[in-house]
Amino acid sequence: MPRPRKCRRVCELPRHTEFGSRSAEGESVPMAVDEYEAIRLIDLEGLTQEEAAEQMQVGRSTVQAIYNSARHKLALCLVGGRPLIITGGDYEVCPRQRPCGGCRHGGGCPGR
């Protein structure tokens, strides 16, 4: 019997959830919110996979798998001209009312 999926911690939900070129063609590519968060933490914030794993409260190998999946989906959109939709996934939003500065620097959310 497989283990139940663990919710991934995200600092905040994405502000924009649909992306595509004016000439987007083909079926849209769905990206889960936790995949978006892995891209945000590693590529935008510059965290290591280990730091991102701590922030998202999962193992490093889990973050690596999430990140690789997200990169593949981004490549499908960029190379194939397909629209990207960010939605769904197994995640929980940081319990603070506003984005916490700790999330942006790998320190984690207070009150974990």
PDB file of N, CA and C in Angstrom:
ATOM      1  N   MET A   1       0.845  -1.175   0.000  1.00  0.00           N
ATOM      2  CA  MET A   1       0.000   0.000   0.000  1.00  0.00           C
ATOM      3  C   MET A   1       0.891   1.239   0.000  1.00  0.00           C
ATOM      4  N   PRO A   2       0.676   2.186  -0.935  1.00  0.00           N
ATOM      5  CA  PRO A   2       1.516   3.381  -0.989  1.00  0.00           C
ATOM      6  C   PRO A   2       1.254   4.304   0.192  1.00  0.00           C
ATOM      7  N   ARG A   3       2.312   5.050   0.540  1.00  0.00           N
ATOM      8  CA  ARG A   3       2.156   6.030   1.619  1.00  0.00           C
ATOM      9  C   ARG A   3       1.276   7.172   1.146  1.00  0.00           C
ATOM     10  N   PRO A   4       0.505   7.776   2.053  1.00  0.00           N
ATOM     11  CA  PRO A   4      -0.309   8.931   1.659  1.00  0.00           C
ATOM     12  C   PRO A   4       0.596  10.106   1.311  1.00  0.00           C
ATOM     13  N   ARG A   5       0.138  10.905   0.352  1.00  0.00           N
ATOM     14  CA  ARG A   5       0.919  12.080  -0.052  1.00  0.00           C
ATOM     15  C   ARG A   5       0.895  13.120   1.050  1.00  0.00           C
ATOM     16  N   LYS A   6       2.045  13.707   1.310  1.00  0.00           N
ATOM     17  CA  LYS A   6       2.187  14.724   2.342  1.00  0.00           C
ATOM     18  C   LYS A   6       1.963  16.104   1.708  1.00  0.00           C
ATOM     19  N   CYS A   7       1.221  16.958   2.387  1.00  0.00           N
ATOM     20  CA  CYS A   7       1.014  18.315   1.878  1.00  0.00           C
ATOM     21  C   CYS A   7       2.326  19.086   1.878  1.00  0.00           C
ATOM     22  N   ARG A   8       2.519  19.843   0.837  1.00  0.00           N
ATOM     23  CA  ARG A   8       3.711  20.674   0.739  1.00  0.00           C
ATOM     24  C   ARG A   8       3.361  22.087   1.201  1.00  0.00           C
ATOM     25  N   ARG A   9       4.260  22.712   1.959  1.00  0.00           N
ATOM     26  CA  ARG A   9       4.034  24.069   2.456  1.00  0.00           C
ATOM     27  C   ARG A   9       4.416  25.067   1.365  1.00  0.00           C
ATOM     28  N   VAL A  10       3.522  26.009   1.073  1.00  0.00           N
ATOM     29  CA  VAL A  10       3.823  27.098   0.146  1.00  0.00           C
ATOM     30  C   VAL A  10       3.628  28.411   0.883  1.00  0.00           C
ATOM     31  N   CYS A  11       4.444  29.390   0.551  1.00  0.00           N
ATOM     32  CA  CYS A  11       4.403  30.681   1.246  1.00  0.00           C
ATOM     33  C   CYS A  11       3.120  31.444   0.909  1.00  0.00           C
ATOM     34  N   GLU A  12       2.766  31.469  -0.372  1.00  0.00           N
ATOM     35  CA  GLU A  12       1.552  32.148  -0.802  1.00  0.00           C
ATOM     36  C   GLU A  12       1.135  31.580  -2.151  1.00  0.00           C
ATOM     37  N   LEU A  13      -0.118  31.719  -2.479  1.00  0.00           N
ATOM     38  CA  LEU A  13      -0.613  31.235  -3.767  1.00  0.00           C
ATOM     39  C   LEU A  13      -0.121  32.155  -4.885  1.00  0.00           C
ATOM     40  N   PRO A  14       0.048  31.619  -6.094  1.00  0.00           N
ATOM     41  CA  PRO A  14       0.503  32.462  -7.202  1.00  0.00           C
ATOM     42  C   PRO A  14      -0.510  33.555  -7.514  1.00  0.00           C
ATOM     43  N   ARG A  15      -0.016  34.726  -7.860  1.00  0.00           N
ATOM     44  CA  ARG A  15      -0.900  35.852  -8.203  1.00  0.00           C
ATOM     45  C   ARG A  15      -1.491  35.679  -9.593  1.00  0.00           C
ATOM     46  N   HIS A  16      -0.733  35.044 -10.466  1.00  0.00           N
ATOM     47  CA  HIS A  16      -1.176  34.801 -11.841  1.00  0.00           C
ATOM     48  C   HIS A  16      -1.156  33.295 -12.066  1.00  0.00           C
ATOM     49  N   THR A  17      -2.210  32.768 -12.658  1.00  0.00           N
ATOM     50  CA  THR A  17      -2.305  31.313 -12.791  1.00  0.00           C
ATOM     51  C   THR A  17      -2.435  30.830 -14.235  1.00  0.00           C
ATOM     52  N   GLU A  18      -2.517  31.723 -15.185  1.00  0.00           N
ATOM     53  CA  GLU A  18      -2.629  31.323 -16.584  1.00  0.00           C
ATOM     54  C   GLU A  18      -1.614  32.090 -17.418  1.00  0.00           C
ATOM     55  N   PHE A  19      -0.875  31.350 -18.245  1.00  0.00           N
ATOM     56  CA  PHE A  19       0.170  31.933 -19.074  1.00  0.00           C
ATOM     57  C   PHE A  19       0.108  31.314 -20.461  1.00  0.00           C
ATOM     58  N   GLY A  20       0.427  32.091 -21.468  1.00  0.00           N
ATOM     59  CA  GLY A  20       0.478  31.565 -22.826  1.00  0.00           C
ATOM     60  C   GLY A  20       0.754  32.677 -23.815  1.00  0.00           C
ATOM     61  N   SER A  21       1.267  32.287 -24.962  1.00  0.00           N
ATOM     62  CA  SER A  21       1.524  33.268 -26.007  1.00  0.00           C
ATOM     63  C   SER A  21       0.220  33.589 -26.725  1.00  0.00           C
ATOM     64  N   ARG A  22       0.235  34.635 -27.483  1.00  0.00           N
ATOM     65  CA  ARG A  22      -0.976  35.005 -28.238  1.00  0.00           C
ATOM     66  C   ARG A  22      -1.326  33.933 -29.260  1.00  0.00           C
ATOM     67  N   SER A  23      -0.314  33.208 -29.668  1.00  0.00           N
ATOM     68  CA  SER A  23      -0.551  32.144 -30.653  1.00  0.00           C
ATOM     69  C   SER A  23      -0.466  30.766 -30.009  1.00  0.00           C
ATOM     70  N   ALA A  24      -0.804  30.690 -28.713  1.00  0.00           N
ATOM     71  CA  ALA A  24      -0.726  29.410 -27.992  1.00  0.00           C
ATOM     72  C   ALA A  24      -1.546  28.355 -28.717  1.00  0.00           C
ATOM     73  N   GLU A  25      -0.963  27.186 -28.813  1.00  0.00           N
ATOM     74  CA  GLU A  25      -1.655  26.102 -29.505  1.00  0.00           C
ATOM     75  C   GLU A  25      -1.526  24.816 -28.701  1.00  0.00           C
ATOM     76  N   GLY A  26      -2.473  23.949 -28.888  1.00  0.00           N
ATOM     77  CA  GLY A  26      -2.433  22.670 -28.192  1.00  0.00           C
ATOM     78  C   GLY A  26      -3.101  22.742 -26.835  1.00  0.00           C
ATOM     79  N   GLU A  27      -3.129  21.590 -26.202  1.00  0.00           N
ATOM     80  CA  GLU A  27      -3.747  21.450 -24.886  1.00  0.00           C
ATOM     81  C   GLU A  27      -2.917  22.169 -23.834  1.00  0.00           C
ATOM     82  N   SER A  28      -3.589  22.789 -22.875  1.00  0.00           N
ATOM     83  CA  SER A  28      -2.864  23.493 -21.818  1.00  0.00           C
ATOM     84  C   SER A  28      -2.118  22.496 -20.932  1.00  0.00           C
ATOM     85  N   VAL A  29      -1.053  22.970 -20.321  1.00  0.00           N
ATOM     86  CA  VAL A  29      -0.223  22.157 -19.436  1.00  0.00           C
ATOM     87  C   VAL A  29      -0.554  22.545 -17.996  1.00  0.00           C
ATOM     88  N   PRO A  30      -1.061  21.608 -17.188  1.00  0.00           N
ATOM     89  CA  PRO A  30      -1.359  21.933 -15.796  1.00  0.00           C
ATOM     90  C   PRO A  30      -0.112  21.812 -14.921  1.00  0.00           C
ATOM     91  N   MET A  31       0.142  22.831 -14.112  1.00  0.00           N
ATOM     92  CA  MET A  31       1.244  22.811 -13.153  1.00  0.00           C
ATOM     93  C   MET A  31       0.634  22.955 -11.764  1.00  0.00           C
ATOM     94  N   ALA A  32       0.986  22.055 -10.861  1.00  0.00           N
ATOM     95  CA  ALA A  32       0.466  22.109  -9.497  1.00  0.00           C
ATOM     96  C   ALA A  32       1.113  23.264  -8.736  1.00  0.00           C
ATOM     97  N   VAL A  33       0.429  23.732  -7.717  1.00  0.00           N
ATOM     98  CA  VAL A  33       0.924  24.848  -6.912  1.00  0.00           C
ATOM     99  C   VAL A  33       2.268  24.500  -6.257  1.00  0.00           C
ATOM    100  N   ASP A  34       2.463  23.248  -5.826  1.00  0.00           N
ATOM    101  CA  ASP A  34       3.744  22.875  -5.222  1.00  0.00           C
ATOM    102  C   ASP A  34       4.876  22.892  -6.252  1.00  0.00           C
ATOM    103  N   GLU A  35       4.580  22.613  -7.522  1.00  0.00           N
ATOM    104  CA  GLU A  35       5.595  22.710  -8.570  1.00  0.00           C
ATOM    105  C   GLU A  35       5.982  24.177  -8.794  1.00  0.00           C
ATOM    106  N   TYR A  36       4.973  25.039  -8.808  1.00  0.00           N
ATOM    107  CA  TYR A  36       5.224  26.481  -8.902  1.00  0.00           C
ATOM    108  C   TYR A  36       6.113  26.951  -7.750  1.00  0.00           C
ATOM    109  N   GLU A  37       5.813  26.484  -6.542  1.00  0.00           N
ATOM    110  CA  GLU A  37       6.582  26.887  -5.364  1.00  0.00           C
ATOM    111  C   GLU A  37       8.027  26.420  -5.457  1.00  0.00           C
ATOM    112  N   ALA A  38       8.261  25.215  -5.965  1.00  0.00           N
ATOM    113  CA  ALA A  38       9.635  24.719  -6.129  1.00  0.00           C
ATOM    114  C   ALA A  38      10.409  25.596  -7.110  1.00  0.00           C
ATOM    115  N   ILE A  39       9.784  25.969  -8.217  1.00  0.00           N
ATOM    116  CA  ILE A  39      10.428  26.872  -9.187  1.00  0.00           C
ATOM    117  C   ILE A  39      10.718  28.224  -8.533  1.00  0.00           C
ATOM    118  N   ARG A  40       9.751  28.734  -7.783  1.00  0.00           N
ATOM    119  CA  ARG A  40       9.925  30.042  -7.130  1.00  0.00           C
ATOM    120  C   ARG A  40      11.079  30.015  -6.138  1.00  0.00           C
ATOM    121  N   LEU A  41      11.111  28.987  -5.302  1.00  0.00           N
ATOM    122  CA  LEU A  41      12.141  28.924  -4.264  1.00  0.00           C
ATOM    123  C   LEU A  41      13.537  28.690  -4.842  1.00  0.00           C
ATOM    124  N   ILE A  42      13.655  27.769  -5.788  1.00  0.00           N
ATOM    125  CA  ILE A  42      14.976  27.391  -6.304  1.00  0.00           C
ATOM    126  C   ILE A  42      15.473  28.380  -7.356  1.00  0.00           C
ATOM    127  N   ASP A  43      14.641  28.683  -8.356  1.00  0.00           N
ATOM    128  CA  ASP A  43      15.103  29.540  -9.449  1.00  0.00           C
ATOM    129  C   ASP A  43      15.011  31.034  -9.151  1.00  0.00           C
ATOM    130  N   LEU A  44      13.954  31.456  -8.478  1.00  0.00           N
ATOM    131  CA  LEU A  44      13.793  32.888  -8.213  1.00  0.00           C
ATOM    132  C   LEU A  44      14.486  33.316  -6.923  1.00  0.00           C
ATOM    133  N   GLU A  45      14.266  32.582  -5.850  1.00  0.00           N
ATOM    134  CA  GLU A  45      14.836  32.956  -4.554  1.00  0.00           C
ATOM    135  C   GLU A  45      16.264  32.451  -4.361  1.00  0.00           C
ATOM    136  N   GLY A  46      16.709  31.501  -5.201  1.00  0.00           N
ATOM    137  CA  GLY A  46      18.089  31.033  -5.140  1.00  0.00           C
ATOM    138  C   GLY A  46      18.375  30.035  -4.030  1.00  0.00           C
ATOM    139  N   LEU A  47      17.345  29.390  -3.503  1.00  0.00           N
ATOM    140  CA  LEU A  47      17.561  28.388  -2.461  1.00  0.00           C
ATOM    141  C   LEU A  47      18.111  27.108  -3.077  1.00  0.00           C
ATOM    142  N   THR A  48      18.838  26.342  -2.294  1.00  0.00           N
ATOM    143  CA  THR A  48      19.254  25.019  -2.729  1.00  0.00           C
ATOM    144  C   THR A  48      18.051  24.091  -2.624  1.00  0.00           C
ATOM    145  N   GLN A  49      18.163  22.912  -3.225  1.00  0.00           N
ATOM    146  CA  GLN A  49      17.067  21.958  -3.104  1.00  0.00           C
ATOM    147  C   GLN A  49      16.853  21.556  -1.652  1.00  0.00           C
ATOM    148  N   GLU A  50      17.925  21.457  -0.911  1.00  0.00           N
ATOM    149  CA  GLU A  50      17.813  21.111   0.511  1.00  0.00           C
ATOM    150  C   GLU A  50      17.068  22.197   1.284  1.00  0.00           C
ATOM    151  N   GLU A  51      17.394  23.464   1.022  1.00  0.00           N
ATOM    152  CA  GLU A  51      16.711  24.575   1.690  1.00  0.00           C
ATOM    153  C   GLU A  51      15.241  24.642   1.279  1.00  0.00           C
ATOM    154  N   ALA A  52      14.975  24.409  -0.009  1.00  0.00           N
ATOM    155  CA  ALA A  52      13.591  24.407  -0.486  1.00  0.00           C
ATOM    156  C   ALA A  52      12.798  23.272   0.155  1.00  0.00           C
ATOM    157  N   ALA A  53      13.434  22.117   0.321  1.00  0.00           N
ATOM    158  CA  ALA A  53      12.773  20.978   0.964  1.00  0.00           C
ATOM    159  C   ALA A  53      12.390  21.315   2.397  1.00  0.00           C
ATOM    160  N   GLU A  54      13.299  21.967   3.111  1.00  0.00           N
ATOM    161  CA  GLU A  54      13.005  22.366   4.491  1.00  0.00           C
ATOM    162  C   GLU A  54      11.847  23.351   4.519  1.00  0.00           C
ATOM    163  N   GLN A  55      11.868  24.309   3.604  1.00  0.00           N
ATOM    164  CA  GLN A  55      10.816  25.312   3.535  1.00  0.00           C
ATOM    165  C   GLN A  55       9.459  24.680   3.223  1.00  0.00           C
ATOM    166  N   MET A  56       9.458  23.712   2.303  1.00  0.00           N
ATOM    167  CA  MET A  56       8.209  23.076   1.885  1.00  0.00           C
ATOM    168  C   MET A  56       7.807  21.912   2.796  1.00  0.00           C
ATOM    169  N   GLN A  57       8.678  21.607   3.767  1.00  0.00           N
ATOM    170  CA  GLN A  57       8.443  20.559   4.764  1.00  0.00           C
ATOM    171  C   GLN A  57       8.289  19.175   4.131  1.00  0.00           C
ATOM    172  N   VAL A  58       9.184  18.891   3.178  1.00  0.00           N
ATOM    173  CA  VAL A  58       9.264  17.575   2.539  1.00  0.00           C
ATOM    174  C   VAL A  58      10.735  17.205   2.416  1.00  0.00           C
ATOM    175  N   GLY A  59      11.014  15.988   1.971  1.00  0.00           N
ATOM    176  CA  GLY A  59      12.384  15.545   1.778  1.00  0.00           C
ATOM    177  C   GLY A  59      13.023  16.160   0.534  1.00  0.00           C
ATOM    178  N   ARG A  60      14.360  16.172   0.521  1.00  0.00           N
ATOM    179  CA  ARG A  60      15.074  16.738  -0.621  1.00  0.00           C
ATOM    180  C   ARG A  60      14.758  15.993  -1.909  1.00  0.00           C
ATOM    181  N   SER A  61      14.661  14.680  -1.853  1.00  0.00           N
ATOM    182  CA  SER A  61      14.364  13.914  -3.067  1.00  0.00           C
ATOM    183  C   SER A  61      12.959  14.237  -3.588  1.00  0.00           C
ATOM    184  N   THR A  62      12.039  14.546  -2.684  1.00  0.00           N
ATOM    185  CA  THR A  62      10.691  14.954  -3.103  1.00  0.00           C
ATOM    186  C   THR A  62      10.742  16.289  -3.820  1.00  0.00           C
ATOM    187  N   VAL A  63      11.496  17.248  -3.278  1.00  0.00           N
ATOM    188  CA  VAL A  63      11.629  18.546  -3.936  1.00  0.00           C
ATOM    189  C   VAL A  63      12.284  18.381  -5.301  1.00  0.00           C
ATOM    190  N   GLN A  64      13.288  17.524  -5.375  1.00  0.00           N
ATOM    191  CA  GLN A  64      13.965  17.285  -6.655  1.00  0.00           C
ATOM    192  C   GLN A  64      12.965  16.756  -7.693  1.00  0.00           C
ATOM    193  N   ALA A  65      12.109  15.821  -7.307  1.00  0.00           N
ATOM    194  CA  ALA A  65      11.108  15.273  -8.226  1.00  0.00           C
ATOM    195  C   ALA A  65      10.086  16.338  -8.635  1.00  0.00           C
ATOM    196  N   ILE A  66       9.633  17.132  -7.665  1.00  0.00           N
ATOM    197  CA  ILE A  66       8.674  18.207  -7.952  1.00  0.00           C
ATOM    198  C   ILE A  66       9.296  19.219  -8.908  1.00  0.00           C
ATOM    199  N   TYR A  67      10.533  19.610  -8.633  1.00  0.00           N
ATOM    200  CA  TYR A  67      11.249  20.599  -9.442  1.00  0.00           C
ATOM    201  C   TYR A  67      11.468  20.086 -10.862  1.00  0.00           C
ATOM    202  N   ASN A  68      11.892  18.836 -11.007  1.00  0.00           N
ATOM    203  CA  ASN A  68      12.114  18.269 -12.343  1.00  0.00           C
ATOM    204  C   ASN A  68      10.819  18.213 -13.144  1.00  0.00           C
ATOM    205  N   SER A  69       9.725  17.863 -12.493  1.00  0.00           N
ATOM    206  CA  SER A  69       8.426  17.832 -13.161  1.00  0.00           C
ATOM    207  C   SER A  69       8.029  19.237 -13.620  1.00  0.00           C
ATOM    208  N   ALA A  70       8.230  20.230 -12.761  1.00  0.00           N
ATOM    209  CA  ALA A  70       7.880  21.613 -13.097  1.00  0.00           C
ATOM    210  C   ALA A  70       8.724  22.119 -14.268  1.00  0.00           C
ATOM    211  N   ARG A  71      10.004  21.807 -14.269  1.00  0.00           N
ATOM    212  CA  ARG A  71      10.876  22.242 -15.372  1.00  0.00           C
ATOM    213  C   ARG A  71      10.451  21.605 -16.687  1.00  0.00           C
ATOM    214  N   HIS A  72      10.068  20.336 -16.659  1.00  0.00           N
ATOM    215  CA  HIS A  72       9.604  19.663 -17.867  1.00  0.00           C
ATOM    216  C   HIS A  72       8.348  20.351 -18.416  1.00  0.00           C
ATOM    217  N   LYS A  73       7.437  20.712 -17.513  1.00  0.00           N
ATOM    218  CA  LYS A  73       6.208  21.382 -17.936  1.00  0.00           C
ATOM    219  C   LYS A  73       6.498  22.760 -18.522  1.00  0.00           C
ATOM    220  N   LEU A  74       7.432  23.493 -17.925  1.00  0.00           N
ATOM    221  CA  LEU A  74       7.822  24.793 -18.468  1.00  0.00           C
ATOM    222  C   LEU A  74       8.412  24.640 -19.865  1.00  0.00           C
ATOM    223  N   ALA A  75       9.233  23.608 -20.062  1.00  0.00           N
ATOM    224  CA  ALA A  75       9.827  23.357 -21.378  1.00  0.00           C
ATOM    225  C   ALA A  75       8.743  23.041 -22.411  1.00  0.00           C
ATOM    226  N   LEU A  76       7.745  22.248 -22.035  1.00  0.00           N
ATOM    227  CA  LEU A  76       6.641  21.957 -22.956  1.00  0.00           C
ATOM    228  C   LEU A  76       5.965  23.245 -23.414  1.00  0.00           C
ATOM    229  N   CYS A  77       5.783  24.161 -22.489  1.00  0.00           N
ATOM    230  CA  CYS A  77       5.121  25.426 -22.811  1.00  0.00           C
ATOM    231  C   CYS A  77       6.005  26.325 -23.672  1.00  0.00           C
ATOM    232  N   LEU A  78       7.265  26.457 -23.304  1.00  0.00           N
ATOM    233  CA  LEU A  78       8.162  27.342 -24.045  1.00  0.00           C
ATOM    234  C   LEU A  78       8.466  26.821 -25.447  1.00  0.00           C
ATOM    235  N   VAL A  79       8.769  25.553 -25.555  1.00  0.00           N
ATOM    236  CA  VAL A  79       9.156  24.981 -26.838  1.00  0.00           C
ATOM    237  C   VAL A  79       7.932  24.689 -27.703  1.00  0.00           C
ATOM    238  N   GLY A  80       6.880  24.173 -27.096  1.00  0.00           N
ATOM    239  CA  GLY A  80       5.699  23.783 -27.861  1.00  0.00           C
ATOM    240  C   GLY A  80       4.642  24.861 -28.004  1.00  0.00           C
ATOM    241  N   GLY A  81       4.838  26.002 -27.344  1.00  0.00           N
ATOM    242  CA  GLY A  81       3.870  27.090 -27.443  1.00  0.00           C
ATOM    243  C   GLY A  81       2.534  26.784 -26.790  1.00  0.00           C
ATOM    244  N   ARG A  82       2.547  25.890 -25.808  1.00  0.00           N
ATOM    245  CA  ARG A  82       1.309  25.501 -25.134  1.00  0.00           C
ATOM    246  C   ARG A  82       1.033  26.410 -23.940  1.00  0.00           C
ATOM    247  N   PRO A  83      -0.233  26.681 -23.638  1.00  0.00           N
ATOM    248  CA  PRO A  83      -0.562  27.499 -22.461  1.00  0.00           C
ATOM    249  C   PRO A  83      -0.291  26.739 -21.163  1.00  0.00           C
ATOM    250  N   LEU A  84       0.035  27.480 -20.103  1.00  0.00           N
ATOM    251  CA  LEU A  84       0.314  26.921 -18.785  1.00  0.00           C
ATOM    252  C   LEU A  84      -0.771  27.374 -17.816  1.00  0.00           C
ATOM    253  N   ILE A  85      -1.295  26.428 -17.037  1.00  0.00           N
ATOM    254  CA  ILE A  85      -2.304  26.732 -16.023  1.00  0.00           C
ATOM    255  C   ILE A  85      -1.777  26.216 -14.684  1.00  0.00           C
ATOM    256  N   ILE A  86      -1.707  27.088 -13.668  1.00  0.00           N
ATOM    257  CA  ILE A  86      -1.272  26.675 -12.332  1.00  0.00           C
ATOM    258  C   ILE A  86      -2.511  26.446 -11.487  1.00  0.00           C
ATOM    259  N   THR A  87      -2.663  25.204 -11.026  1.00  0.00           N
ATOM    260  CA  THR A  87      -3.847  24.864 -10.251  1.00  0.00           C
ATOM    261  C   THR A  87      -3.653  23.537  -9.528  1.00  0.00           C
ATOM    262  N   GLY A  88      -4.283  23.394  -8.380  1.00  0.00           N
ATOM    263  CA  GLY A  88      -4.347  22.122  -7.673  1.00  0.00           C
ATOM    264  C   GLY A  88      -3.058  21.650  -7.039  1.00  0.00           C
ATOM    265  N   GLY A  89      -3.074  20.417  -6.591  1.00  0.00           N
ATOM    266  CA  GLY A  89      -1.915  19.820  -5.944  1.00  0.00           C
ATOM    267  C   GLY A  89      -2.162  19.584  -4.459  1.00  0.00           C
ATOM    268  N   ASP A  90      -1.212  18.909  -3.833  1.00  0.00           N
ATOM    269  CA  ASP A  90      -1.271  18.642  -2.393  1.00  0.00           C
ATOM    270  C   ASP A  90      -0.407  19.670  -1.678  1.00  0.00           C
ATOM    271  N   TYR A  91      -1.022  20.717  -1.172  1.00  0.00           N
ATOM    272  CA  TYR A  91      -0.263  21.789  -0.541  1.00  0.00           C
ATOM    273  C   TYR A  91      -1.069  22.422   0.573  1.00  0.00           C
ATOM    274  N   GLU A  92      -0.361  23.138   1.437  1.00  0.00           N
ATOM    275  CA  GLU A  92      -0.995  23.974   2.445  1.00  0.00           C
ATOM    276  C   GLU A  92      -0.285  25.316   2.407  1.00  0.00           C
ATOM    277  N   VAL A  93      -1.057  26.384   2.555  1.00  0.00           N
ATOM    278  CA  VAL A  93      -0.502  27.732   2.512  1.00  0.00           C
ATOM    279  C   VAL A  93       0.004  28.096   3.901  1.00  0.00           C
ATOM    280  N   CYS A  94       1.114  28.818   3.958  1.00  0.00           N
ATOM    281  CA  CYS A  94       1.675  29.293   5.215  1.00  0.00           C
ATOM    282  C   CYS A  94       0.553  29.911   6.050  1.00  0.00           C
ATOM    283  N   PRO A  95       0.466  29.584   7.327  1.00  0.00           N
ATOM    284  CA  PRO A  95      -0.651  30.047   8.148  1.00  0.00           C
ATOM    285  C   PRO A  95      -0.652  31.550   8.441  1.00  0.00           C
ATOM    286  N   ARG A  96       0.435  32.246   8.114  1.00  0.00           N
ATOM    287  CA  ARG A  96       0.451  33.693   8.363  1.00  0.00           C
ATOM    288  C   ARG A  96      -0.480  34.403   7.403  1.00  0.00           C
ATOM    289  N   GLN A  97      -0.990  35.546   7.793  1.00  0.00           N
ATOM    290  CA  GLN A  97      -1.947  36.299   6.973  1.00  0.00           C
ATOM    291  C   GLN A  97      -1.293  36.953   5.761  1.00  0.00           C
ATOM    292  N   ARG A  98      -0.019  37.256   5.858  1.00  0.00           N
ATOM    293  CA  ARG A  98       0.688  37.865   4.735  1.00  0.00           C
ATOM    294  C   ARG A  98       1.953  37.054   4.493  1.00  0.00           C
ATOM    295  N   PRO A  99       2.535  37.177   3.271  1.00  0.00           N
ATOM    296  CA  PRO A  99       3.757  36.423   2.999  1.00  0.00           C
ATOM    297  C   PRO A  99       4.812  36.733   4.052  1.00  0.00           C
ATOM    298  N   CYS A 100       5.441  35.708   4.570  1.00  0.00           N
ATOM    299  CA  CYS A 100       6.432  35.927   5.624  1.00  0.00           C
ATOM    300  C   CYS A 100       7.830  36.045   5.040  1.00  0.00           C
ATOM    301  N   GLY A 101       8.596  36.946   5.541  1.00  0.00           N
ATOM    302  CA  GLY A 101       9.957  37.151   5.074  1.00  0.00           C
ATOM    303  C   GLY A 101      10.820  35.916   5.231  1.00  0.00           C
ATOM    304  N   GLY A 102      10.527  35.078   6.232  1.00  0.00           N
ATOM    305  CA  GLY A 102      11.302  33.861   6.435  1.00  0.00           C
ATOM    306  C   GLY A 102      11.220  32.914   5.256  1.00  0.00           C
ATOM    307  N   CYS A 103      10.057  32.874   4.602  1.00  0.00           N
ATOM    308  CA  CYS A 103       9.895  31.986   3.453  1.00  0.00           C
ATOM    309  C   CYS A 103      10.845  32.371   2.336  1.00  0.00           C
ATOM    310  N   ARG A 104      11.090  33.630   2.173  1.00  0.00           N
ATOM    311  CA  ARG A 104      11.918  34.084   1.066  1.00  0.00           C
ATOM    312  C   ARG A 104      13.401  33.824   1.298  1.00  0.00           C
ATOM    313  N   HIS A 105      13.785  33.532   2.514  1.00  0.00           N
ATOM    314  CA  HIS A 105      15.200  33.333   2.811  1.00  0.00           C
ATOM    315  C   HIS A 105      15.509  31.966   3.388  1.00  0.00           C
ATOM    316  N   GLY A 106      14.570  31.041   3.223  1.00  0.00           N
ATOM    317  CA  GLY A 106      14.817  29.669   3.653  1.00  0.00           C
ATOM    318  C   GLY A 106      14.684  29.442   5.142  1.00  0.00           C
ATOM    319  N   GLY A 107      14.263  30.456   5.890  1.00  0.00           N
ATOM    320  CA  GLY A 107      14.163  30.305   7.338  1.00  0.00           C
ATOM    321  C   GLY A 107      12.902  29.607   7.792  1.00  0.00           C
ATOM    322  N   GLY A 108      11.951  29.465   6.888  1.00  0.00           N
ATOM    323  CA  GLY A 108      10.706  28.803   7.234  1.00  0.00           C
ATOM    324  C   GLY A 108       9.709  29.751   7.853  1.00  0.00           C
ATOM    325  N   CYS A 109       8.501  29.312   7.912  1.00  0.00           N
ATOM    326  CA  CYS A 109       7.430  30.115   8.487  1.00  0.00           C
ATOM    327  C   CYS A 109       7.395  29.925   9.988  1.00  0.00           C
ATOM    328  N   PRO A 110       7.231  30.991  10.753  1.00  0.00           N
ATOM    329  CA  PRO A 110       7.091  30.854  12.192  1.00  0.00           C
ATOM    330  C   PRO A 110       5.873  30.006  12.531  1.00  0.00           C
ATOM    331  N   GLY A 111       5.963  29.286  13.586  1.00  0.00           N
ATOM    332  CA  GLY A 111       4.842  28.495  14.036  1.00  0.00           C
ATOM    333  C   GLY A 111       4.650  27.185  13.308  1.00  0.00           C
ATOM    334  N   ARG A 112       5.701  26.666  12.656  1.00  0.00           N
ATOM    335  CA  ARG A 112       5.567  25.394  11.949  1.00  0.00           C
ATOM    336  C   ARG A 112       5.279  24.294  12.923  1.00  0.00           C
TER     337      ARG A 112
END
